[in-house]
């Protein structure tokens, strides 16, 4: 258990839609916290991991891009 002045450590498992939503809410509310908040986002899969059956977003809608010549 951490003391009153120590940072609160939070670990979010999974960077899918639900995990990112939780991360966003933690970040939005951390400014009003009584102590610092450290967030660890853990996701073993790369974005659009093919083993999960997730297909990449349309080229115009994608947030994360590829460097030129890496596709």
PDB file of N, CA and C in Angstrom:
ATOM      1  N   UNK A   1       0.859  -1.182   0.000  1.00  0.00           N
ATOM      2  CA  UNK A   1       0.000   0.000   0.000  1.00  0.00           C
ATOM      3  C   UNK A   1       0.895   1.232   0.000  1.00  0.00           C
ATOM      4  N   UNK A   2       0.559   2.207  -0.793  1.00  0.00           N
ATOM      5  CA  UNK A   2       1.364   3.421  -0.871  1.00  0.00           C
ATOM      6  C   UNK A   2       0.840   4.475   0.104  1.00  0.00           C
ATOM      7  N   UNK A   3       1.745   5.372   0.469  1.00  0.00           N
ATOM      8  CA  UNK A   3       1.396   6.437   1.402  1.00  0.00           C
ATOM      9  C   UNK A   3       0.700   7.595   0.713  1.00  0.00           C
ATOM     10  N   UNK A   4       0.256   8.599   1.464  1.00  0.00           N
ATOM     11  CA  UNK A   4      -0.508   9.713   0.906  1.00  0.00           C
ATOM     12  C   UNK A   4       0.241  10.551  -0.116  1.00  0.00           C
ATOM     13  N   UNK A   5       1.577  10.667  -0.012  1.00  0.00           N
ATOM     14  CA  UNK A   5       2.320  11.499  -0.955  1.00  0.00           C
ATOM     15  C   UNK A   5       2.863  10.743  -2.152  1.00  0.00           C
ATOM     16  N   UNK A   6       2.790   9.423  -2.110  1.00  0.00           N
ATOM     17  CA  UNK A   6       3.350   8.606  -3.183  1.00  0.00           C
ATOM     18  C   UNK A   6       2.407   8.559  -4.379  1.00  0.00           C
ATOM     19  N   UNK A   7       2.998   8.321  -5.550  1.00  0.00           N
ATOM     20  CA  UNK A   7       2.198   8.233  -6.770  1.00  0.00           C
ATOM     21  C   UNK A   7       1.295   7.007  -6.730  1.00  0.00           C
ATOM     22  N   UNK A   8       0.108   7.157  -7.243  1.00  0.00           N
ATOM     23  CA  UNK A   8      -0.825   6.049  -7.406  1.00  0.00           C
ATOM     24  C   UNK A   8      -0.494   5.380  -8.729  1.00  0.00           C
ATOM     25  N   UNK A   9      -0.160   4.111  -8.712  1.00  0.00           N
ATOM     26  CA  UNK A   9       0.183   3.388  -9.930  1.00  0.00           C
ATOM     27  C   UNK A   9      -1.028   2.606 -10.414  1.00  0.00           C
ATOM     28  N   UNK A  10      -1.371   2.798 -11.686  1.00  0.00           N
ATOM     29  CA  UNK A  10      -2.512   2.120 -12.300  1.00  0.00           C
ATOM     30  C   UNK A  10      -2.015   1.409 -13.544  1.00  0.00           C
ATOM     31  N   UNK A  11      -2.435   0.160 -13.729  1.00  0.00           N
ATOM     32  CA  UNK A  11      -2.054  -0.596 -14.920  1.00  0.00           C
ATOM     33  C   UNK A  11      -3.322  -0.923 -15.692  1.00  0.00           C
ATOM     34  N   UNK A  12      -3.369  -0.526 -16.963  1.00  0.00           N
ATOM     35  CA  UNK A  12      -4.493  -0.831 -17.853  1.00  0.00           C
ATOM     36  C   UNK A  12      -4.020  -1.946 -18.781  1.00  0.00           C
ATOM     37  N   UNK A  13      -4.732  -3.074 -18.771  1.00  0.00           N
ATOM     38  CA  UNK A  13      -4.367  -4.208 -19.602  1.00  0.00           C
ATOM     39  C   UNK A  13      -5.230  -4.176 -20.859  1.00  0.00           C
ATOM     40  N   UNK A  14      -4.575  -4.025 -22.007  1.00  0.00           N
ATOM     41  CA  UNK A  14      -5.276  -4.015 -23.290  1.00  0.00           C
ATOM     42  C   UNK A  14      -5.454  -2.612 -23.824  1.00  0.00           C
ATOM     43  N   UNK A  15      -5.000  -2.397 -25.057  1.00  0.00           N
ATOM     44  CA  UNK A  15      -5.119  -1.081 -25.688  1.00  0.00           C
ATOM     45  C   UNK A  15      -6.187  -1.084 -26.769  1.00  0.00           C
ATOM     46  N   UNK A  16      -7.212  -1.897 -26.563  1.00  0.00           N
ATOM     47  CA  UNK A  16      -8.353  -1.895 -27.479  1.00  0.00           C
ATOM     48  C   UNK A  16      -9.267  -0.728 -27.134  1.00  0.00           C
ATOM     49  N   UNK A  17     -10.436  -0.700 -27.737  1.00  0.00           N
ATOM     50  CA  UNK A  17     -11.366   0.414 -27.497  1.00  0.00           C
ATOM     51  C   UNK A  17     -11.707   0.616 -26.018  1.00  0.00           C
ATOM     52  N   UNK A  18     -11.945  -0.450 -25.287  1.00  0.00           N
ATOM     53  CA  UNK A  18     -12.303  -0.298 -23.872  1.00  0.00           C
ATOM     54  C   UNK A  18     -11.102   0.166 -23.058  1.00  0.00           C
ATOM     55  N   UNK A  19      -9.921  -0.417 -23.294  1.00  0.00           N
ATOM     56  CA  UNK A  19      -8.724  -0.019 -22.563  1.00  0.00           C
ATOM     57  C   UNK A  19      -8.368   1.437 -22.808  1.00  0.00           C
ATOM     58  N   UNK A  20      -8.469   1.881 -24.061  1.00  0.00           N
ATOM     59  CA  UNK A  20      -8.172   3.282 -24.363  1.00  0.00           C
ATOM     60  C   UNK A  20      -9.204   4.220 -23.767  1.00  0.00           C
ATOM     61  N   UNK A  21     -10.442   3.770 -23.690  1.00  0.00           N
ATOM     62  CA  UNK A  21     -11.486   4.585 -23.058  1.00  0.00           C
ATOM     63  C   UNK A  21     -11.196   4.749 -21.568  1.00  0.00           C
ATOM     64  N   UNK A  22     -10.791   3.663 -20.917  1.00  0.00           N
ATOM     65  CA  UNK A  22     -10.431   3.728 -19.503  1.00  0.00           C
ATOM     66  C   UNK A  22      -9.210   4.630 -19.318  1.00  0.00           C
ATOM     67  N   UNK A  23      -8.213   4.486 -20.189  1.00  0.00           N
ATOM     68  CA  UNK A  23      -7.021   5.337 -20.118  1.00  0.00           C
ATOM     69  C   UNK A  23      -7.385   6.810 -20.254  1.00  0.00           C
ATOM     70  N   UNK A  24      -8.265   7.127 -21.179  1.00  0.00           N
ATOM     71  CA  UNK A  24      -8.688   8.515 -21.381  1.00  0.00           C
ATOM     72  C   UNK A  24      -9.358   9.069 -20.126  1.00  0.00           C
ATOM     73  N   UNK A  25     -10.224   8.265 -19.486  1.00  0.00           N
ATOM     74  CA  UNK A  25     -10.927   8.718 -18.286  1.00  0.00           C
ATOM     75  C   UNK A  25      -9.946   8.900 -17.119  1.00  0.00           C
ATOM     76  N   UNK A  26      -8.967   7.995 -16.999  1.00  0.00           N
ATOM     77  CA  UNK A  26      -7.960   8.144 -15.941  1.00  0.00           C
ATOM     78  C   UNK A  26      -7.196   9.444 -16.141  1.00  0.00           C
ATOM     79  N   UNK A  27      -6.759   9.693 -17.374  1.00  0.00           N
ATOM     80  CA  UNK A  27      -5.999  10.918 -17.662  1.00  0.00           C
ATOM     81  C   UNK A  27      -6.843  12.168 -17.434  1.00  0.00           C
ATOM     82  N   UNK A  28      -8.106  12.112 -17.813  1.00  0.00           N
ATOM     83  CA  UNK A  28      -8.980  13.271 -17.644  1.00  0.00           C
ATOM     84  C   UNK A  28      -9.197  13.599 -16.169  1.00  0.00           C
ATOM     85  N   UNK A  29      -9.216  12.581 -15.332  1.00  0.00           N
ATOM     86  CA  UNK A  29      -9.484  12.796 -13.909  1.00  0.00           C
ATOM     87  C   UNK A  29      -8.226  12.890 -13.054  1.00  0.00           C
ATOM     88  N   UNK A  30      -7.064  12.603 -13.606  1.00  0.00           N
ATOM     89  CA  UNK A  30      -5.826  12.611 -12.829  1.00  0.00           C
ATOM     90  C   UNK A  30      -5.445  14.011 -12.366  1.00  0.00           C
ATOM     91  N   UNK A  31      -5.835  15.026 -13.126  1.00  0.00           N
ATOM     92  CA  UNK A  31      -5.485  16.402 -12.743  1.00  0.00           C
ATOM     93  C   UNK A  31      -6.086  16.779 -11.393  1.00  0.00           C
ATOM     94  N   UNK A  32      -7.218  16.211 -11.053  1.00  0.00           N
ATOM     95  CA  UNK A  32      -7.872  16.530  -9.792  1.00  0.00           C
ATOM     96  C   UNK A  32      -7.525  15.568  -8.665  1.00  0.00           C
ATOM     97  N   UNK A  33      -6.606  14.646  -8.912  1.00  0.00           N
ATOM     98  CA  UNK A  33      -6.252  13.655  -7.896  1.00  0.00           C
ATOM     99  C   UNK A  33      -5.432  14.299  -6.777  1.00  0.00           C
ATOM    100  N   UNK A  34      -5.539  13.741  -5.603  1.00  0.00           N
ATOM    101  CA  UNK A  34      -4.824  14.265  -4.436  1.00  0.00           C
ATOM    102  C   UNK A  34      -3.338  13.939  -4.484  1.00  0.00           C
ATOM    103  N   UNK A  35      -2.948  12.980  -5.326  1.00  0.00           N
ATOM    104  CA  UNK A  35      -1.535  12.607  -5.465  1.00  0.00           C
ATOM    105  C   UNK A  35      -1.249  12.274  -6.924  1.00  0.00           C
ATOM    106  N   UNK A  36       0.012  12.240  -7.308  1.00  0.00           N
ATOM    107  CA  UNK A  36       0.351  11.941  -8.703  1.00  0.00           C
ATOM    108  C   UNK A  36      -0.148  10.555  -9.126  1.00  0.00           C
ATOM    109  N   UNK A  37      -0.455  10.414 -10.399  1.00  0.00           N
ATOM    110  CA  UNK A  37      -0.934   9.144 -10.943  1.00  0.00           C
ATOM    111  C   UNK A  37       0.032   8.694 -12.035  1.00  0.00           C
ATOM    112  N   UNK A  38       0.500   7.463 -11.931  1.00  0.00           N
ATOM    113  CA  UNK A  38       1.342   6.857 -12.957  1.00  0.00           C
ATOM    114  C   UNK A  38       0.531   5.763 -13.628  1.00  0.00           C
ATOM    115  N   UNK A  39       0.419   5.826 -14.953  1.00  0.00           N
ATOM    116  CA  UNK A  39      -0.375   4.842 -15.696  1.00  0.00           C
ATOM    117  C   UNK A  39       0.546   4.000 -16.563  1.00  0.00           C
ATOM    118  N   UNK A  40       0.375   2.686 -16.497  1.00  0.00           N
ATOM    119  CA  UNK A  40       1.102   1.746 -17.341  1.00  0.00           C
ATOM    120  C   UNK A  40       0.083   1.092 -18.271  1.00  0.00           C
ATOM    121  N   UNK A  41       0.258   1.266 -19.576  1.00  0.00           N
ATOM    122  CA  UNK A  41      -0.628   0.652 -20.561  1.00  0.00           C
ATOM    123  C   UNK A  41       0.073  -0.583 -21.109  1.00  0.00           C
ATOM    124  N   UNK A  42      -0.553  -1.744 -20.943  1.00  0.00           N
ATOM    125  CA  UNK A  42       0.049  -3.015 -21.334  1.00  0.00           C
ATOM    126  C   UNK A  42      -0.799  -3.659 -22.417  1.00  0.00           C
ATOM    127  N   UNK A  43      -0.173  -3.923 -23.563  1.00  0.00           N
ATOM    128  CA  UNK A  43      -0.854  -4.633 -24.649  1.00  0.00           C
ATOM    129  C   UNK A  43       0.196  -5.415 -25.430  1.00  0.00           C
ATOM    130  N   UNK A  44       0.122  -6.736 -25.419  1.00  0.00           N
ATOM    131  CA  UNK A  44       1.148  -7.537 -26.084  1.00  0.00           C
ATOM    132  C   UNK A  44       1.037  -7.559 -27.604  1.00  0.00           C
ATOM    133  N   UNK A  45      -0.031  -7.037 -28.158  1.00  0.00           N
ATOM    134  CA  UNK A  45      -0.243  -7.109 -29.598  1.00  0.00           C
ATOM    135  C   UNK A  45       0.058  -5.779 -30.266  1.00  0.00           C
ATOM    136  N   UNK A  46       0.553  -5.842 -31.484  1.00  0.00           N
ATOM    137  CA  UNK A  46       0.781  -4.624 -32.257  1.00  0.00           C
ATOM    138  C   UNK A  46      -0.562  -4.131 -32.788  1.00  0.00           C
ATOM    139  N   UNK A  47      -0.655  -2.856 -33.171  1.00  0.00           N
ATOM    140  CA  UNK A  47      -1.915  -2.339 -33.732  1.00  0.00           C
ATOM    141  C   UNK A  47      -2.329  -3.136 -34.955  1.00  0.00           C
ATOM    142  N   UNK A  48      -3.626  -3.416 -35.062  1.00  0.00           N
ATOM    143  CA  UNK A  48      -4.204  -4.168 -36.182  1.00  0.00           C
ATOM    144  C   UNK A  48      -3.553  -5.542 -36.313  1.00  0.00           C
ATOM    145  N   UNK A  49      -3.382  -6.208 -35.198  1.00  0.00           N
ATOM    146  CA  UNK A  49      -2.756  -7.529 -35.181  1.00  0.00           C
ATOM    147  C   UNK A  49      -3.633  -8.519 -35.942  1.00  0.00           C
ATOM    148  N   UNK A  50      -3.078  -9.138 -36.954  1.00  0.00           N
ATOM    149  CA  UNK A  50      -3.860 -10.001 -37.843  1.00  0.00           C
ATOM    150  C   UNK A  50      -4.375 -11.252 -37.150  1.00  0.00           C
ATOM    151  N   UNK A  51      -3.682 -11.747 -36.133  1.00  0.00           N
ATOM    152  CA  UNK A  51      -4.149 -12.944 -35.435  1.00  0.00           C
ATOM    153  C   UNK A  51      -5.473 -12.708 -34.708  1.00  0.00           C
ATOM    154  N   UNK A  52      -5.779 -11.463 -34.417  1.00  0.00           N
ATOM    155  CA  UNK A  52      -7.020 -11.144 -33.726  1.00  0.00           C
ATOM    156  C   UNK A  52      -8.168 -10.884 -34.689  1.00  0.00           C
ATOM    157  N   UNK A  53      -7.883 -10.901 -35.975  1.00  0.00           N
ATOM    158  CA  UNK A  53      -8.921 -10.651 -36.966  1.00  0.00           C
ATOM    159  C   UNK A  53      -9.289  -9.194 -37.092  1.00  0.00           C
ATOM    160  N   UNK A  54      -8.407  -8.322 -36.663  1.00  0.00           N
ATOM    161  CA  UNK A  54      -8.675  -6.881 -36.745  1.00  0.00           C
ATOM    162  C   UNK A  54      -8.054  -6.360 -38.032  1.00  0.00           C
ATOM    163  N   UNK A  55      -8.845  -5.683 -38.813  1.00  0.00           N
ATOM    164  CA  UNK A  55      -8.315  -5.137 -40.061  1.00  0.00           C
ATOM    165  C   UNK A  55      -7.978  -3.669 -39.866  1.00  0.00           C
ATOM    166  N   UNK A  56      -6.982  -3.174 -40.575  1.00  0.00           N
ATOM    167  CA  UNK A  56      -6.617  -1.760 -40.445  1.00  0.00           C
ATOM    168  C   UNK A  56      -7.741  -0.837 -40.910  1.00  0.00           C
ATOM    169  N   UNK A  57      -7.769   0.352 -40.337  1.00  0.00           N
ATOM    170  CA  UNK A  57      -8.753   1.353 -40.733  1.00  0.00           C
ATOM    171  C   UNK A  57      -8.439   1.864 -42.140  1.00  0.00           C
ATOM    172  N   UNK A  58      -9.412   2.487 -42.740  1.00  0.00           N
ATOM    173  CA  UNK A  58      -9.226   3.081 -44.055  1.00  0.00           C
ATOM    174  C   UNK A  58      -8.058   4.066 -43.999  1.00  0.00           C
ATOM    175  N   UNK A  59      -7.293   4.162 -45.058  1.00  0.00           N
ATOM    176  CA  UNK A  59      -6.095   5.005 -45.121  1.00  0.00           C
ATOM    177  C   UNK A  59      -6.367   6.443 -44.642  1.00  0.00           C
ATOM    178  N   UNK A  60      -7.528   7.002 -44.993  1.00  0.00           N
ATOM    179  CA  UNK A  60      -7.844   8.385 -44.620  1.00  0.00           C
ATOM    180  C   UNK A  60      -8.236   8.525 -43.147  1.00  0.00           C
ATOM    181  N   UNK A  61      -8.585   7.420 -42.487  1.00  0.00           N
ATOM    182  CA  UNK A  61      -9.065   7.488 -41.107  1.00  0.00           C
ATOM    183  C   UNK A  61      -8.046   7.005 -40.091  1.00  0.00           C
ATOM    184  N   UNK A  62      -6.972   6.426 -40.542  1.00  0.00           N
ATOM    185  CA  UNK A  62      -5.998   5.825 -39.636  1.00  0.00           C
ATOM    186  C   UNK A  62      -5.277   6.906 -38.820  1.00  0.00           C
ATOM    187  N   UNK A  63      -5.161   6.667 -37.530  1.00  0.00           N
ATOM    188  CA  UNK A  63      -4.482   7.600 -36.639  1.00  0.00           C
ATOM    189  C   UNK A  63      -2.987   7.322 -36.643  1.00  0.00           C
ATOM    190  N   UNK A  64      -2.618   6.060 -36.583  1.00  0.00           N
ATOM    191  CA  UNK A  64      -1.203   5.696 -36.619  1.00  0.00           C
ATOM    192  C   UNK A  64      -0.831   5.352 -38.043  1.00  0.00           C
ATOM    193  N   UNK A  65       0.218   5.911 -38.528  1.00  0.00           N
ATOM    194  CA  UNK A  65       0.623   5.674 -39.898  1.00  0.00           C
ATOM    195  C   UNK A  65       1.885   4.841 -39.993  1.00  0.00           C
ATOM    196  N   UNK A  66       2.233   4.480 -41.185  1.00  0.00           N
ATOM    197  CA  UNK A  66       3.455   3.735 -41.440  1.00  0.00           C
ATOM    198  C   UNK A  66       4.483   4.678 -42.056  1.00  0.00           C
ATOM    199  N   UNK A  67       5.738   4.430 -41.759  1.00  0.00           N
ATOM    200  CA  UNK A  67       6.778   5.211 -42.402  1.00  0.00           C
ATOM    201  C   UNK A  67       6.828   4.828 -43.863  1.00  0.00           C
ATOM    202  N   UNK A  68       7.196   5.756 -44.671  1.00  0.00           N
ATOM    203  CA  UNK A  68       7.301   5.512 -46.106  1.00  0.00           C
ATOM    204  C   UNK A  68       8.225   4.327 -46.378  1.00  0.00           C
ATOM    205  N   UNK A  69       7.774   3.414 -47.211  1.00  0.00           N
ATOM    206  CA  UNK A  69       8.587   2.272 -47.617  1.00  0.00           C
ATOM    207  C   UNK A  69       8.576   1.103 -46.664  1.00  0.00           C
ATOM    208  N   UNK A  70       7.729   1.112 -45.636  1.00  0.00           N
ATOM    209  CA  UNK A  70       7.700  -0.012 -44.696  1.00  0.00           C
ATOM    210  C   UNK A  70       6.521  -0.928 -44.927  1.00  0.00           C
ATOM    211  N   UNK A  71       5.671  -0.643 -45.863  1.00  0.00           N
ATOM    212  CA  UNK A  71       4.526  -1.511 -46.103  1.00  0.00           C
ATOM    213  C   UNK A  71       4.816  -2.552 -47.121  1.00  0.00           C
TER     214      UNK A  71
END
